[in-house]
Amino acid sequence: MTKQRTGTIPVDPTSAEPCCAPLSARRISHEAADRLAPAFRALGDPVRLRLMSMIASAPGGEICVCDLTPAFDLSGPTISYHLRTLREAGLVDAERRGTWVYYRPRPAMLRQLARLLAVDGTTGG
């Protein structure tokens, strides 16, 4: 039996249009929260956050799983699980080339998350 998420609206990671205004400007809609929560949830794990950092900062815009795995004291299947979580959240794309899989960030999705968290310089704090 496969585990399916219900009640979430898929994010279009290729969209250049921001999903919503920054949190500091206006309340987020229920629909936008449903679309973006899986990405924030995926980034809430330290291993996935480190993987995302490695993928996003990779020279040439992509990185082989063979270069990701040695950076962690985790098994290959565990790294694969975390990478799958990032893919399912719409944060990365993957492409198989022979025996290796290459990962690259989805910039549009990262921009949507960044825009949501943007803080206006005139806002208190």
PDB file of N, CA and C in Angstrom:
ATOM      1  N   MET A   1       0.839  -1.178   0.000  1.00  0.00           N
ATOM      2  CA  MET A   1       0.000   0.000   0.000  1.00  0.00           C
ATOM      3  C   MET A   1       0.887   1.245   0.000  1.00  0.00           C
ATOM      4  N   THR A   2       0.610   2.163  -0.902  1.00  0.00           N
ATOM      5  CA  THR A   2       1.406   3.377  -0.967  1.00  0.00           C
ATOM      6  C   THR A   2       0.785   4.461  -0.108  1.00  0.00           C
ATOM      7  N   LYS A   3       1.653   5.282   0.420  1.00  0.00           N
ATOM      8  CA  LYS A   3       1.208   6.376   1.263  1.00  0.00           C
ATOM      9  C   LYS A   3       0.984   7.596   0.381  1.00  0.00           C
ATOM     10  N   GLN A   4      -0.224   8.139   0.385  1.00  0.00           N
ATOM     11  CA  GLN A   4      -0.530   9.296  -0.427  1.00  0.00           C
ATOM     12  C   GLN A   4      -0.908  10.463   0.455  1.00  0.00           C
ATOM     13  N   ARG A   5      -0.460  11.640   0.082  1.00  0.00           N
ATOM     14  CA  ARG A   5      -0.858  12.840   0.788  1.00  0.00           C
ATOM     15  C   ARG A   5      -2.185  13.300   0.227  1.00  0.00           C
ATOM     16  N   THR A   6      -3.059  13.681   1.096  1.00  0.00           N
ATOM     17  CA  THR A   6      -4.334  14.211   0.643  1.00  0.00           C
ATOM     18  C   THR A   6      -4.471  15.640   1.133  1.00  0.00           C
ATOM     19  N   GLY A   7      -5.236  16.409   0.400  1.00  0.00           N
ATOM     20  CA  GLY A   7      -5.501  17.768   0.807  1.00  0.00           C
ATOM     21  C   GLY A   7      -4.421  18.770   0.451  1.00  0.00           C
ATOM     22  N   THR A   8      -3.373  18.348  -0.252  1.00  0.00           N
ATOM     23  CA  THR A   8      -2.353  19.303  -0.649  1.00  0.00           C
ATOM     24  C   THR A   8      -2.492  19.614  -2.125  1.00  0.00           C
ATOM     25  N   ILE A   9      -2.145  20.819  -2.458  1.00  0.00           N
ATOM     26  CA  ILE A   9      -2.206  21.275  -3.827  1.00  0.00           C
ATOM     27  C   ILE A   9      -0.786  21.282  -4.358  1.00  0.00           C
ATOM     28  N   PRO A  10      -0.519  20.628  -5.500  1.00  0.00           N
ATOM     29  CA  PRO A  10       0.849  20.592  -5.994  1.00  0.00           C
ATOM     30  C   PRO A  10       1.352  21.990  -6.339  1.00  0.00           C
ATOM     31  N   VAL A  11       2.620  22.208  -6.064  1.00  0.00           N
ATOM     32  CA  VAL A  11       3.272  23.465  -6.407  1.00  0.00           C
ATOM     33  C   VAL A  11       3.822  23.327  -7.801  1.00  0.00           C
ATOM     34  N   ASP A  12       3.713  24.378  -8.587  1.00  0.00           N
ATOM     35  CA  ASP A  12       4.337  24.375  -9.901  1.00  0.00           C
ATOM     36  C   ASP A  12       5.742  24.930  -9.736  1.00  0.00           C
ATOM     37  N   PRO A  13       6.749  24.056  -9.614  1.00  0.00           N
ATOM     38  CA  PRO A  13       8.105  24.529  -9.352  1.00  0.00           C
ATOM     39  C   PRO A  13       8.728  25.262 -10.530  1.00  0.00           C
ATOM     40  N   THR A  14       8.092  25.237 -11.688  1.00  0.00           N
ATOM     41  CA  THR A  14       8.643  25.934 -12.845  1.00  0.00           C
ATOM     42  C   THR A  14       8.060  27.331 -12.984  1.00  0.00           C
ATOM     43  N   SER A  15       7.056  27.647 -12.183  1.00  0.00           N
ATOM     44  CA  SER A  15       6.416  28.948 -12.281  1.00  0.00           C
ATOM     45  C   SER A  15       7.339  30.049 -11.784  1.00  0.00           C
ATOM     46  N   ALA A  16       7.456  31.088 -12.568  1.00  0.00           N
ATOM     47  CA  ALA A  16       8.253  32.240 -12.154  1.00  0.00           C
ATOM     48  C   ALA A  16       7.422  33.186 -11.302  1.00  0.00           C
ATOM     49  N   GLU A  17       6.119  32.982 -11.309  1.00  0.00           N
ATOM     50  CA  GLU A  17       5.216  33.826 -10.540  1.00  0.00           C
ATOM     51  C   GLU A  17       5.275  33.456  -9.066  1.00  0.00           C
ATOM     52  N   PRO A  18       5.428  34.450  -8.202  1.00  0.00           N
ATOM     53  CA  PRO A  18       5.422  34.147  -6.770  1.00  0.00           C
ATOM     54  C   PRO A  18       4.038  33.670  -6.347  1.00  0.00           C
ATOM     55  N   CYS A  19       4.018  32.755  -5.413  1.00  0.00           N
ATOM     56  CA  CYS A  19       2.748  32.188  -4.974  1.00  0.00           C
ATOM     57  C   CYS A  19       1.981  33.141  -4.096  1.00  0.00           C
ATOM     58  N   CYS A  20       2.702  33.972  -3.388  1.00  0.00           N
ATOM     59  CA  CYS A  20       2.020  34.782  -2.388  1.00  0.00           C
ATOM     60  C   CYS A  20       2.927  35.909  -1.916  1.00  0.00           C
ATOM     61  N   ALA A  21       2.314  36.842  -1.210  1.00  0.00           N
ATOM     62  CA  ALA A  21       3.067  37.964  -0.649  1.00  0.00           C
ATOM     63  C   ALA A  21       3.861  37.483   0.557  1.00  0.00           C
ATOM     64  N   PRO A  22       4.893  38.228   0.939  1.00  0.00           N
ATOM     65  CA  PRO A  22       5.653  37.862   2.142  1.00  0.00           C
ATOM     66  C   PRO A  22       4.749  37.796   3.378  1.00  0.00           C
ATOM     67  N   LEU A  23       5.126  36.943   4.306  1.00  0.00           N
ATOM     68  CA  LEU A  23       4.366  36.805   5.546  1.00  0.00           C
ATOM     69  C   LEU A  23       4.250  38.133   6.280  1.00  0.00           C
ATOM     70  N   SER A  24       5.270  38.970   6.157  1.00  0.00           N
ATOM     71  CA  SER A  24       5.261  40.249   6.856  1.00  0.00           C
ATOM     72  C   SER A  24       4.321  41.263   6.204  1.00  0.00           C
ATOM     73  N   ALA A  25       3.844  40.967   4.994  1.00  0.00           N
ATOM     74  CA  ALA A  25       2.961  41.892   4.288  1.00  0.00           C
ATOM     75  C   ALA A  25       1.491  41.523   4.427  1.00  0.00           C
ATOM     76  N   ARG A  26       1.221  40.218   4.462  1.00  0.00           N
ATOM     77  CA  ARG A  26      -0.179  39.794   4.509  1.00  0.00           C
ATOM     78  C   ARG A  26      -0.244  38.325   4.905  1.00  0.00           C
ATOM     79  N   ARG A  27      -1.368  37.939   5.439  1.00  0.00           N
ATOM     80  CA  ARG A  27      -1.569  36.546   5.838  1.00  0.00           C
ATOM     81  C   ARG A  27      -1.552  35.640   4.617  1.00  0.00           C
ATOM     82  N   ILE A  28      -0.985  34.478   4.809  1.00  0.00           N
ATOM     83  CA  ILE A  28      -0.922  33.499   3.723  1.00  0.00           C
ATOM     84  C   ILE A  28      -2.276  32.781   3.616  1.00  0.00           C
ATOM     85  N   SER A  29      -2.669  32.500   2.401  1.00  0.00           N
ATOM     86  CA  SER A  29      -3.935  31.802   2.188  1.00  0.00           C
ATOM     87  C   SER A  29      -3.798  30.324   2.562  1.00  0.00           C
ATOM     88  N   HIS A  30      -4.914  29.707   2.818  1.00  0.00           N
ATOM     89  CA  HIS A  30      -4.932  28.280   3.132  1.00  0.00           C
ATOM     90  C   HIS A  30      -4.330  27.479   1.972  1.00  0.00           C
ATOM     91  N   GLU A  31      -4.684  27.851   0.738  1.00  0.00           N
ATOM     92  CA  GLU A  31      -4.189  27.123  -0.436  1.00  0.00           C
ATOM     93  C   GLU A  31      -2.675  27.250  -0.585  1.00  0.00           C
ATOM     94  N   ALA A  32      -2.166  28.465  -0.399  1.00  0.00           N
ATOM     95  CA  ALA A  32      -0.716  28.667  -0.513  1.00  0.00           C
ATOM     96  C   ALA A  32       0.019  27.917   0.594  1.00  0.00           C
ATOM     97  N   ALA A  33      -0.535  27.919   1.791  1.00  0.00           N
ATOM     98  CA  ALA A  33       0.080  27.174   2.893  1.00  0.00           C
ATOM     99  C   ALA A  33       0.124  25.680   2.577  1.00  0.00           C
ATOM    100  N   ASP A  34      -0.947  25.167   2.003  1.00  0.00           N
ATOM    101  CA  ASP A  34      -0.973  23.746   1.620  1.00  0.00           C
ATOM    102  C   ASP A  34       0.068  23.433   0.557  1.00  0.00           C
ATOM    103  N   ARG A  35       0.301  24.382  -0.356  1.00  0.00           N
ATOM    104  CA  ARG A  35       1.274  24.148  -1.427  1.00  0.00           C
ATOM    105  C   ARG A  35       2.709  24.190  -0.929  1.00  0.00           C
ATOM    106  N   LEU A  36       3.000  25.088   0.010  1.00  0.00           N
ATOM    107  CA  LEU A  36       4.382  25.313   0.422  1.00  0.00           C
ATOM    108  C   LEU A  36       4.814  24.522   1.655  1.00  0.00           C
ATOM    109  N   ALA A  37       3.882  24.081   2.459  1.00  0.00           N
ATOM    110  CA  ALA A  37       4.231  23.366   3.695  1.00  0.00           C
ATOM    111  C   ALA A  37       5.114  22.143   3.448  1.00  0.00           C
ATOM    112  N   PRO A  38       4.870  21.329   2.406  1.00  0.00           N
ATOM    113  CA  PRO A  38       5.753  20.175   2.201  1.00  0.00           C
ATOM    114  C   PRO A  38       7.217  20.565   1.979  1.00  0.00           C
ATOM    115  N   ALA A  39       7.462  21.688   1.326  1.00  0.00           N
ATOM    116  CA  ALA A  39       8.842  22.121   1.102  1.00  0.00           C
ATOM    117  C   ALA A  39       9.487  22.552   2.422  1.00  0.00           C
ATOM    118  N   PHE A  40       8.752  23.305   3.225  1.00  0.00           N
ATOM    119  CA  PHE A  40       9.298  23.705   4.522  1.00  0.00           C
ATOM    120  C   PHE A  40       9.496  22.496   5.423  1.00  0.00           C
ATOM    121  N   ARG A  41       8.565  21.552   5.369  1.00  0.00           N
ATOM    122  CA  ARG A  41       8.689  20.329   6.169  1.00  0.00           C
ATOM    123  C   ARG A  41       9.940  19.553   5.749  1.00  0.00           C
ATOM    124  N   ALA A  42      10.168  19.469   4.448  1.00  0.00           N
ATOM    125  CA  ALA A  42      11.352  18.751   3.948  1.00  0.00           C
ATOM    126  C   ALA A  42      12.635  19.421   4.427  1.00  0.00           C
ATOM    127  N   LEU A  43      12.653  20.740   4.456  1.00  0.00           N
ATOM    128  CA  LEU A  43      13.853  21.466   4.869  1.00  0.00           C
ATOM    129  C   LEU A  43      14.020  21.500   6.385  1.00  0.00           C
ATOM    130  N   GLY A  44      13.033  21.022   7.114  1.00  0.00           N
ATOM    131  CA  GLY A  44      13.096  21.016   8.570  1.00  0.00           C
ATOM    132  C   GLY A  44      13.986  19.934   9.144  1.00  0.00           C
ATOM    133  N   ASP A  45      14.501  19.058   8.314  1.00  0.00           N
ATOM    134  CA  ASP A  45      15.406  18.000   8.759  1.00  0.00           C
ATOM    135  C   ASP A  45      16.846  18.443   8.479  1.00  0.00           C
ATOM    136  N   PRO A  46      17.755  18.340   9.459  1.00  0.00           N
ATOM    137  CA  PRO A  46      19.137  18.802   9.253  1.00  0.00           C
ATOM    138  C   PRO A  46      19.852  18.121   8.084  1.00  0.00           C
ATOM    139  N   VAL A  47      19.623  16.831   7.891  1.00  0.00           N
ATOM    140  CA  VAL A  47      20.286  16.133   6.776  1.00  0.00           C
ATOM    141  C   VAL A  47      19.779  16.681   5.449  1.00  0.00           C
ATOM    142  N   ARG A  48      18.468  16.847   5.329  1.00  0.00           N
ATOM    143  CA  ARG A  48      17.909  17.359   4.075  1.00  0.00           C
ATOM    144  C   ARG A  48      18.317  18.812   3.839  1.00  0.00           C
ATOM    145  N   LEU A  49      18.412  19.586   4.901  1.00  0.00           N
ATOM    146  CA  LEU A  49      18.855  20.969   4.746  1.00  0.00           C
ATOM    147  C   LEU A  49      20.295  21.010   4.237  1.00  0.00           C
ATOM    148  N   ARG A  50      21.146  20.147   4.758  1.00  0.00           N
ATOM    149  CA  ARG A  50      22.533  20.071   4.280  1.00  0.00           C
ATOM    150  C   ARG A  50      22.584  19.579   2.835  1.00  0.00           C
ATOM    151  N   LEU A  51      21.786  18.559   2.511  1.00  0.00           N
ATOM    152  CA  LEU A  51      21.733  18.074   1.130  1.00  0.00           C
ATOM    153  C   LEU A  51      21.287  19.189   0.194  1.00  0.00           C
ATOM    154  N   MET A  52      20.254  19.923   0.588  1.00  0.00           N
ATOM    155  CA  MET A  52      19.745  21.009  -0.251  1.00  0.00           C
ATOM    156  C   MET A  52      20.819  22.063  -0.453  1.00  0.00           C
ATOM    157  N   SER A  53      21.573  22.366   0.592  1.00  0.00           N
ATOM    158  CA  SER A  53      22.661  23.334   0.485  1.00  0.00           C
ATOM    159  C   SER A  53      23.724  22.850  -0.486  1.00  0.00           C
ATOM    160  N   MET A  54      24.073  21.582  -0.395  1.00  0.00           N
ATOM    161  CA  MET A  54      25.087  21.019  -1.298  1.00  0.00           C
ATOM    162  C   MET A  54      24.606  21.041  -2.748  1.00  0.00           C
ATOM    163  N   ILE A  55      23.344  20.729  -2.958  1.00  0.00           N
ATOM    164  CA  ILE A  55      22.784  20.703  -4.310  1.00  0.00           C
ATOM    165  C   ILE A  55      22.692  22.121  -4.872  1.00  0.00           C
ATOM    166  N   ALA A  56      22.167  23.043  -4.076  1.00  0.00           N
ATOM    167  CA  ALA A  56      21.971  24.417  -4.546  1.00  0.00           C
ATOM    168  C   ALA A  56      23.290  25.135  -4.814  1.00  0.00           C
ATOM    169  N   SER A  57      24.342  24.774  -4.092  1.00  0.00           N
ATOM    170  CA  SER A  57      25.623  25.465  -4.265  1.00  0.00           C
ATOM    171  C   SER A  57      26.602  24.699  -5.155  1.00  0.00           C
ATOM    172  N   ALA A  58      26.147  23.632  -5.776  1.00  0.00           N
ATOM    173  CA  ALA A  58      27.037  22.812  -6.605  1.00  0.00           C
ATOM    174  C   ALA A  58      27.525  23.583  -7.830  1.00  0.00           C
ATOM    175  N   PRO A  59      28.823  23.493  -8.104  1.00  0.00           N
ATOM    176  CA  PRO A  59      29.348  24.119  -9.324  1.00  0.00           C
ATOM    177  C   PRO A  59      28.671  23.502 -10.542  1.00  0.00           C
ATOM    178  N   GLY A  60      28.316  24.322 -11.485  1.00  0.00           N
ATOM    179  CA  GLY A  60      27.660  23.813 -12.680  1.00  0.00           C
ATOM    180  C   GLY A  60      26.172  23.586 -12.502  1.00  0.00           C
ATOM    181  N   GLY A  61      25.649  23.830 -11.309  1.00  0.00           N
ATOM    182  CA  GLY A  61      24.218  23.742 -11.087  1.00  0.00           C
ATOM    183  C   GLY A  61      23.659  22.364 -10.799  1.00  0.00           C
ATOM    184  N   GLU A  62      24.523  21.358 -10.707  1.00  0.00           N
ATOM    185  CA  GLU A  62      24.047  20.015 -10.375  1.00  0.00           C
ATOM    186  C   GLU A  62      25.162  19.237  -9.697  1.00  0.00           C
ATOM    187  N   ILE A  63      24.749  18.151  -9.021  1.00  0.00           N
ATOM    188  CA  ILE A  63      25.722  17.328  -8.297  1.00  0.00           C
ATOM    189  C   ILE A  63      25.286  15.869  -8.351  1.00  0.00           C
ATOM    190  N   CYS A  64      26.258  14.995  -8.456  1.00  0.00           N
ATOM    191  CA  CYS A  64      26.024  13.556  -8.503  1.00  0.00           C
ATOM    192  C   CYS A  64      25.783  13.028  -7.091  1.00  0.00           C
ATOM    193  N   VAL A  65      24.898  12.061  -6.978  1.00  0.00           N
ATOM    194  CA  VAL A  65      24.666  11.432  -5.675  1.00  0.00           C
ATOM    195  C   VAL A  65      25.963  10.829  -5.150  1.00  0.00           C
ATOM    196  N   CYS A  66      26.858  10.454  -6.048  1.00  0.00           N
ATOM    197  CA  CYS A  66      28.150   9.893  -5.636  1.00  0.00           C
ATOM    198  C   CYS A  66      29.002  10.921  -4.892  1.00  0.00           C
ATOM    199  N   ASP A  67      28.716  12.213  -5.077  1.00  0.00           N
ATOM    200  CA  ASP A  67      29.426  13.259  -4.356  1.00  0.00           C
ATOM    201  C   ASP A  67      28.686  13.677  -3.081  1.00  0.00           C
ATOM    202  N   LEU A  68      27.421  13.344  -2.990  1.00  0.00           N
ATOM    203  CA  LEU A  68      26.630  13.694  -1.805  1.00  0.00           C
ATOM    204  C   LEU A  68      26.819  12.678  -0.685  1.00  0.00           C
ATOM    205  N   THR A  69      26.757  11.419  -1.027  1.00  0.00           N
ATOM    206  CA  THR A  69      26.760  10.345  -0.023  1.00  0.00           C
ATOM    207  C   THR A  69      27.974  10.362   0.901  1.00  0.00           C
ATOM    208  N   PRO A  70      29.201  10.554   0.393  1.00  0.00           N
ATOM    209  CA  PRO A  70      30.363  10.518   1.289  1.00  0.00           C
ATOM    210  C   PRO A  70      30.382  11.629   2.347  1.00  0.00           C
ATOM    211  N   ALA A  71      29.596  12.673   2.167  1.00  0.00           N
ATOM    212  CA  ALA A  71      29.593  13.786   3.111  1.00  0.00           C
ATOM    213  C   ALA A  71      28.816  13.465   4.393  1.00  0.00           C
ATOM    214  N   PHE A  72      28.173  12.310   4.425  1.00  0.00           N
ATOM    215  CA  PHE A  72      27.329  11.936   5.565  1.00  0.00           C
ATOM    216  C   PHE A  72      27.739  10.582   6.117  1.00  0.00           C
ATOM    217  N   ASP A  73      27.525  10.418   7.384  1.00  0.00           N
ATOM    218  CA  ASP A  73      27.760   9.133   8.033  1.00  0.00           C
ATOM    219  C   ASP A  73      26.442   8.370   8.076  1.00  0.00           C
ATOM    220  N   LEU A  74      25.850   8.187   6.886  1.00  0.00           N
ATOM    221  CA  LEU A  74      24.552   7.521   6.741  1.00  0.00           C
ATOM    222  C   LEU A  74      24.648   6.516   5.599  1.00  0.00           C
ATOM    223  N   SER A  75      23.760   5.547   5.615  1.00  0.00           N
ATOM    224  CA  SER A  75      23.756   4.539   4.549  1.00  0.00           C
ATOM    225  C   SER A  75      23.208   5.143   3.254  1.00  0.00           C
ATOM    226  N   GLY A  76      23.531   4.506   2.150  1.00  0.00           N
ATOM    227  CA  GLY A  76      23.025   4.921   0.846  1.00  0.00           C
ATOM    228  C   GLY A  76      21.509   4.988   0.801  1.00  0.00           C
ATOM    229  N   PRO A  77      20.799   3.946   1.300  1.00  0.00           N
ATOM    230  CA  PRO A  77      19.344   4.002   1.290  1.00  0.00           C
ATOM    231  C   PRO A  77      18.775   5.172   2.107  1.00  0.00           C
ATOM    232  N   THR A  78      19.436   5.533   3.192  1.00  0.00           N
ATOM    233  CA  THR A  78      18.962   6.662   4.001  1.00  0.00           C
ATOM    234  C   THR A  78      19.126   7.969   3.232  1.00  0.00           C
ATOM    235  N   ILE A  79      20.262   8.139   2.558  1.00  0.00           N
ATOM    236  CA  ILE A  79      20.480   9.331   1.729  1.00  0.00           C
ATOM    237  C   ILE A  79      19.437   9.362   0.606  1.00  0.00           C
ATOM    238  N   SER A  80      19.170   8.224  -0.007  1.00  0.00           N
ATOM    239  CA  SER A  80      18.163   8.151  -1.070  1.00  0.00           C
ATOM    240  C   SER A  80      16.785   8.573  -0.561  1.00  0.00           C
ATOM    241  N   TYR A  81      16.445   8.145   0.642  1.00  0.00           N
ATOM    242  CA  TYR A  81      15.165   8.534   1.241  1.00  0.00           C
ATOM    243  C   TYR A  81      15.084  10.055   1.376  1.00  0.00           C
ATOM    244  N   HIS A  82      16.148  10.668   1.882  1.00  0.00           N
ATOM    245  CA  HIS A  82      16.141  12.113   2.072  1.00  0.00           C
ATOM    246  C   HIS A  82      16.077  12.853   0.728  1.00  0.00           C
ATOM    247  N   LEU A  83      16.785  12.354  -0.264  1.00  0.00           N
ATOM    248  CA  LEU A  83      16.741  12.968  -1.592  1.00  0.00           C
ATOM    249  C   LEU A  83      15.358  12.826  -2.220  1.00  0.00           C
ATOM    250  N   ARG A  84      14.726  11.692  -2.033  1.00  0.00           N
ATOM    251  CA  ARG A  84      13.360  11.484  -2.539  1.00  0.00           C
ATOM    252  C   ARG A  84      12.403  12.477  -1.873  1.00  0.00           C
ATOM    253  N   THR A  85      12.586  12.710  -0.584  1.00  0.00           N
ATOM    254  CA  THR A  85      11.747  13.670   0.129  1.00  0.00           C
ATOM    255  C   THR A  85      11.905  15.068  -0.468  1.00  0.00           C
ATOM    256  N   LEU A  86      13.138  15.458  -0.784  1.00  0.00           N
ATOM    257  CA  LEU A  86      13.373  16.759  -1.411  1.00  0.00           C
ATOM    258  C   LEU A  86      12.723  16.830  -2.798  1.00  0.00           C
ATOM    259  N   ARG A  87      12.796  15.729  -3.554  1.00  0.00           N
ATOM    260  CA  ARG A  87      12.150  15.695  -4.879  1.00  0.00           C
ATOM    261  C   ARG A  87      10.645  15.815  -4.751  1.00  0.00           C
ATOM    262  N   GLU A  88      10.062  15.038  -3.860  1.00  0.00           N
ATOM    263  CA  GLU A  88       8.605  15.056  -3.688  1.00  0.00           C
ATOM    264  C   GLU A  88       8.099  16.412  -3.206  1.00  0.00           C
ATOM    265  N   ALA A  89       8.937  17.142  -2.492  1.00  0.00           N
ATOM    266  CA  ALA A  89       8.561  18.471  -2.015  1.00  0.00           C
ATOM    267  C   ALA A  89       8.737  19.537  -3.102  1.00  0.00           C
ATOM    268  N   GLY A  90       9.275  19.147  -4.256  1.00  0.00           N
ATOM    269  CA  GLY A  90       9.447  20.079  -5.359  1.00  0.00           C
ATOM    270  C   GLY A  90      10.685  20.949  -5.262  1.00  0.00           C
ATOM    271  N   LEU A  91      11.616  20.570  -4.416  1.00  0.00           N
ATOM    272  CA  LEU A  91      12.815  21.380  -4.210  1.00  0.00           C
ATOM    273  C   LEU A  91      13.951  21.048  -5.169  1.00  0.00           C
ATOM    274  N   VAL A  92      13.998  19.818  -5.658  1.00  0.00           N
ATOM    275  CA  VAL A  92      15.071  19.399  -6.562  1.00  0.00           C
ATOM    276  C   VAL A  92      14.506  18.549  -7.698  1.00  0.00           C
ATOM    277  N   ASP A  93      15.246  18.509  -8.776  1.00  0.00           N
ATOM    278  CA  ASP A  93      14.999  17.594  -9.894  1.00  0.00           C
ATOM    279  C   ASP A  93      16.125  16.585  -9.908  1.00  0.00           C
ATOM    280  N   ALA A  94      15.855  15.423 -10.453  1.00  0.00           N
ATOM    281  CA  ALA A  94      16.865  14.369 -10.541  1.00  0.00           C
ATOM    282  C   ALA A  94      16.871  13.792 -11.951  1.00  0.00           C
ATOM    283  N   GLU A  95      18.062  13.419 -12.400  1.00  0.00           N
ATOM    284  CA  GLU A  95      18.213  12.802 -13.714  1.00  0.00           C
ATOM    285  C   GLU A  95      19.209  11.658 -13.610  1.00  0.00           C
ATOM    286  N   ARG A  96      18.777  10.480 -14.036  1.00  0.00           N
ATOM    287  CA  ARG A  96      19.652   9.308 -14.019  1.00  0.00           C
ATOM    288  C   ARG A  96      20.520   9.324 -15.273  1.00  0.00           C
ATOM    289  N   ARG A  97      21.817   9.110 -15.051  1.00  0.00           N
ATOM    290  CA  ARG A  97      22.784   8.983 -16.148  1.00  0.00           C
ATOM    291  C   ARG A  97      23.609   7.753 -15.846  1.00  0.00           C
ATOM    292  N   GLY A  98      23.310   6.689 -16.537  1.00  0.00           N
ATOM    293  CA  GLY A  98      23.987   5.420 -16.274  1.00  0.00           C
ATOM    294  C   GLY A  98      23.618   4.922 -14.889  1.00  0.00           C
ATOM    295  N   THR A  99      24.612   4.683 -14.053  1.00  0.00           N
ATOM    296  CA  THR A  99      24.340   4.177 -12.708  1.00  0.00           C
ATOM    297  C   THR A  99      24.172   5.290 -11.688  1.00  0.00           C
ATOM    298  N   TRP A 100      24.444   6.547 -12.070  1.00  0.00           N
ATOM    299  CA  TRP A 100      24.385   7.649 -11.121  1.00  0.00           C
ATOM    300  C   TRP A 100      23.179   8.542 -11.362  1.00  0.00           C
ATOM    301  N   VAL A 101      22.750   9.197 -10.295  1.00  0.00           N
ATOM    302  CA  VAL A 101      21.668  10.169 -10.381  1.00  0.00           C
ATOM    303  C   VAL A 101      22.250  11.536 -10.052  1.00  0.00           C
ATOM    304  N   TYR A 102      21.907  12.516 -10.873  1.00  0.00           N
ATOM    305  CA  TYR A 102      22.368  13.886 -10.681  1.00  0.00           C
ATOM    306  C   TYR A 102      21.195  14.739 -10.211  1.00  0.00           C
ATOM    307  N   TYR A 103      21.463  15.602  -9.247  1.00  0.00           N
ATOM    308  CA  TYR A 103      20.438  16.449  -8.650  1.00  0.00           C
ATOM    309  C   TYR A 103      20.733  17.909  -8.927  1.00  0.00           C
ATOM    310  N   ARG A 104      19.680  18.669  -9.174  1.00  0.00           N
ATOM    311  CA  ARG A 104      19.802  20.116  -9.353  1.00  0.00           C
ATOM    312  C   ARG A 104      18.624  20.792  -8.649  1.00  0.00           C
ATOM    313  N   PRO A 105      18.847  22.001  -8.151  1.00  0.00           N
ATOM    314  CA  PRO A 105      17.773  22.695  -7.439  1.00  0.00           C
ATOM    315  C   PRO A 105      16.702  23.194  -8.405  1.00  0.00           C
ATOM    316  N   ARG A 106      15.532  23.428  -7.879  1.00  0.00           N
ATOM    317  CA  ARG A 106      14.457  24.062  -8.641  1.00  0.00           C
ATOM    318  C   ARG A 106      14.402  25.522  -8.178  1.00  0.00           C
ATOM    319  N   PRO A 107      15.078  26.410  -8.906  1.00  0.00           N
ATOM    320  CA  PRO A 107      15.187  27.797  -8.471  1.00  0.00           C
ATOM    321  C   PRO A 107      13.844  28.490  -8.248  1.00  0.00           C
ATOM    322  N   ALA A 108      12.851  28.191  -9.080  1.00  0.00           N
ATOM    323  CA  ALA A 108      11.547  28.848  -8.920  1.00  0.00           C
ATOM    324  C   ALA A 108      10.939  28.515  -7.557  1.00  0.00           C
ATOM    325  N   MET A 109      11.077  27.270  -7.132  1.00  0.00           N
ATOM    326  CA  MET A 109      10.538  26.888  -5.826  1.00  0.00           C
ATOM    327  C   MET A 109      11.299  27.590  -4.710  1.00  0.00           C
ATOM    328  N   LEU A 110      12.612  27.647  -4.820  1.00  0.00           N
ATOM    329  CA  LEU A 110      13.412  28.323  -3.808  1.00  0.00           C
ATOM    330  C   LEU A 110      13.060  29.809  -3.743  1.00  0.00           C
ATOM    331  N   ARG A 111      12.805  30.413  -4.904  1.00  0.00           N
ATOM    332  CA  ARG A 111      12.393  31.824  -4.922  1.00  0.00           C
ATOM    333  C   ARG A 111      11.055  32.017  -4.229  1.00  0.00           C
ATOM    334  N   GLN A 112      10.121  31.074  -4.433  1.00  0.00           N
ATOM    335  CA  GLN A 112       8.815  31.185  -3.774  1.00  0.00           C
ATOM    336  C   GLN A 112       8.971  31.133  -2.254  1.00  0.00           C
ATOM    337  N   LEU A 113       9.800  30.208  -1.775  1.00  0.00           N
ATOM    338  CA  LEU A 113      10.021  30.108  -0.328  1.00  0.00           C
ATOM    339  C   LEU A 113      10.699  31.369   0.200  1.00  0.00           C
ATOM    340  N   ALA A 114      11.690  31.856  -0.535  1.00  0.00           N
ATOM    341  CA  ALA A 114      12.410  33.053  -0.104  1.00  0.00           C
ATOM    342  C   ALA A 114      11.485  34.263  -0.082  1.00  0.00           C
ATOM    343  N   ARG A 115      10.651  34.384  -1.092  1.00  0.00           N
ATOM    344  CA  ARG A 115       9.714  35.520  -1.144  1.00  0.00           C
ATOM    345  C   ARG A 115       8.764  35.474   0.047  1.00  0.00           C
ATOM    346  N   LEU A 116       8.271  34.311   0.379  1.00  0.00           N
ATOM    347  CA  LEU A 116       7.345  34.185   1.497  1.00  0.00           C
ATOM    348  C   LEU A 116       8.008  34.628   2.801  1.00  0.00           C
ATOM    349  N   LEU A 117       9.300  34.342   2.956  1.00  0.00           N
ATOM    350  CA  LEU A 117      10.010  34.661   4.195  1.00  0.00           C
ATOM    351  C   LEU A 117      10.663  36.039   4.177  1.00  0.00           C
ATOM    352  N   ALA A 118      10.562  36.753   3.061  1.00  0.00           N
ATOM    353  CA  ALA A 118      11.171  38.076   2.961  1.00  0.00           C
ATOM    354  C   ALA A 118      10.589  39.003   4.011  1.00  0.00           C
ATOM    355  N   VAL A 119      11.464  39.807   4.598  1.00  0.00           N
ATOM    356  CA  VAL A 119      11.043  40.753   5.625  1.00  0.00           C
ATOM    357  C   VAL A 119      11.349  42.153   5.115  1.00  0.00           C
ATOM    358  N   ASP A 120      10.352  42.991   5.116  1.00  0.00           N
ATOM    359  CA  ASP A 120      10.505  44.385   4.697  1.00  0.00           C
ATOM    360  C   ASP A 120      11.390  45.092   5.715  1.00  0.00           C
ATOM    361  N   GLY A 121      12.346  45.869   5.252  1.00  0.00           N
ATOM    362  CA  GLY A 121      13.266  46.573   6.130  1.00  0.00           C
ATOM    363  C   GLY A 121      12.588  47.560   7.074  1.00  0.00           C
ATOM    364  N   THR A 122      11.359  47.974   6.749  1.00  0.00           N
ATOM    365  CA  THR A 122      10.659  48.922   7.620  1.00  0.00           C
ATOM    366  C   THR A 122       9.826  48.248   8.673  1.00  0.00           C
ATOM    367  N   THR A 123       9.724  46.922   8.603  1.00  0.00           N
ATOM    368  CA  THR A 123       8.955  46.180   9.598  1.00  0.00           C
ATOM    369  C   THR A 123       9.746  46.118  10.892  1.00  0.00           C
ATOM    370  N   GLY A 124       9.080  46.240  12.007  1.00  0.00           N
ATOM    371  CA  GLY A 124       9.745  46.222  13.308  1.00  0.00           C
ATOM    372  C   GLY A 124      10.509  44.934  13.558  1.00  0.00           C
ATOM    373  N   GLY A 125      11.410  44.951  14.550  1.00  0.00           N
ATOM    374  CA  GLY A 125      12.113  43.725  14.897  1.00  0.00           C
ATOM    375  C   GLY A 125      13.508  43.952  14.971  1.00  0.00           C
TER     376      GLY A 125
END
